[in-house]
């Protein structure tokens, strides 16, 4: 019998930190896998939170 496992990971950073990670190639794969990154504003002091969900069979 196959079971699904739900895994969640959270990523919190300022927008400027997030942009640096994107430039280095980090988090791109997670975003393509369905990660959600919520930006309220583009202020460099704003905190952003990303959530990634993956199902495994």
C-alpha atoms as a PDB file:
ATOM      1  CA  UNK A   1       0.000   0.000   0.000  1.00  0.00           C
ATOM      2  CA  UNK A   2       1.322   3.432  -0.934  1.00  0.00           C
ATOM      3  CA  UNK A   3       1.007   6.324   1.473  1.00  0.00           C
ATOM      4  CA  UNK A   4       1.494  10.015   0.892  1.00  0.00           C
ATOM      5  CA  UNK A   5       3.645  12.049   3.213  1.00  0.00           C
ATOM      6  CA  UNK A   6       3.212  15.814   3.403  1.00  0.00           C
ATOM      7  CA  UNK A   7       6.368  17.750   4.178  1.00  0.00           C
ATOM      8  CA  UNK A   8       6.532  21.470   4.779  1.00  0.00           C
ATOM      9  CA  UNK A   9       9.581  23.701   4.910  1.00  0.00           C
ATOM     10  CA  UNK A  10       9.623  27.377   5.774  1.00  0.00           C
ATOM     11  CA  UNK A  11      12.100  29.986   4.569  1.00  0.00           C
ATOM     12  CA  UNK A  12      12.193  33.443   6.089  1.00  0.00           C
ATOM     13  CA  UNK A  13      14.467  36.284   5.003  1.00  0.00           C
ATOM     14  CA  UNK A  14      14.496  39.880   3.946  1.00  0.00           C
ATOM     15  CA  UNK A  15      13.804  40.530   0.274  1.00  0.00           C
ATOM     16  CA  UNK A  16      17.437  41.474  -0.342  1.00  0.00           C
ATOM     17  CA  UNK A  17      18.651  38.204   1.236  1.00  0.00           C
ATOM     18  CA  UNK A  18      16.155  36.246  -0.851  1.00  0.00           C
ATOM     19  CA  UNK A  19      17.325  37.949  -4.060  1.00  0.00           C
ATOM     20  CA  UNK A  20      20.946  37.066  -3.263  1.00  0.00           C
ATOM     21  CA  UNK A  21      19.974  33.418  -2.766  1.00  0.00           C
ATOM     22  CA  UNK A  22      18.131  33.423  -6.098  1.00  0.00           C
ATOM     23  CA  UNK A  23      21.224  34.847  -7.836  1.00  0.00           C
ATOM     24  CA  UNK A  24      23.281  31.983  -6.390  1.00  0.00           C
ATOM     25  CA  UNK A  25      20.759  29.478  -7.777  1.00  0.00           C
ATOM     26  CA  UNK A  26      19.292  28.519  -4.420  1.00  0.00           C
ATOM     27  CA  UNK A  27      15.517  28.150  -3.980  1.00  0.00           C
ATOM     28  CA  UNK A  28      14.873  28.142  -7.738  1.00  0.00           C
ATOM     29  CA  UNK A  29      14.287  24.384  -7.723  1.00  0.00           C
ATOM     30  CA  UNK A  30      11.986  24.674  -4.707  1.00  0.00           C
ATOM     31  CA  UNK A  31      10.005  27.412  -6.419  1.00  0.00           C
ATOM     32  CA  UNK A  32       9.586  25.233  -9.521  1.00  0.00           C
ATOM     33  CA  UNK A  33       8.391  22.385  -7.281  1.00  0.00           C
ATOM     34  CA  UNK A  34       5.519  24.503  -6.040  1.00  0.00           C
ATOM     35  CA  UNK A  35       7.114  26.686  -3.381  1.00  0.00           C
ATOM     36  CA  UNK A  36       5.098  29.763  -2.498  1.00  0.00           C
ATOM     37  CA  UNK A  37       6.947  32.980  -1.692  1.00  0.00           C
ATOM     38  CA  UNK A  38       4.721  35.734  -0.387  1.00  0.00           C
ATOM     39  CA  UNK A  39       5.868  39.322  -0.857  1.00  0.00           C
ATOM     40  CA  UNK A  40       3.815  42.074   0.759  1.00  0.00           C
ATOM     41  CA  UNK A  41       6.062  44.817  -0.603  1.00  0.00           C
ATOM     42  CA  UNK A  42       9.458  45.054  -2.232  1.00  0.00           C
ATOM     43  CA  UNK A  43      10.947  46.971   0.681  1.00  0.00           C
ATOM     44  CA  UNK A  44      14.349  45.467   1.486  1.00  0.00           C
ATOM     45  CA  UNK A  45      13.420  45.369   5.167  1.00  0.00           C
ATOM     46  CA  UNK A  46      10.243  43.370   4.601  1.00  0.00           C
ATOM     47  CA  UNK A  47      10.312  39.810   5.853  1.00  0.00           C
ATOM     48  CA  UNK A  48       9.150  37.176   3.407  1.00  0.00           C
ATOM     49  CA  UNK A  49       8.084  33.638   4.134  1.00  0.00           C
ATOM     50  CA  UNK A  50       8.199  30.796   1.668  1.00  0.00           C
ATOM     51  CA  UNK A  51       6.476  27.468   2.043  1.00  0.00           C
ATOM     52  CA  UNK A  52       7.261  24.335   0.103  1.00  0.00           C
ATOM     53  CA  UNK A  53       4.996  21.307  -0.072  1.00  0.00           C
ATOM     54  CA  UNK A  54       5.941  17.982  -1.594  1.00  0.00           C
ATOM     55  CA  UNK A  55       4.082  14.684  -1.715  1.00  0.00           C
ATOM     56  CA  UNK A  56       6.001  11.421  -1.689  1.00  0.00           C
ATOM     57  CA  UNK A  57       4.556   8.063  -2.722  1.00  0.00           C
END
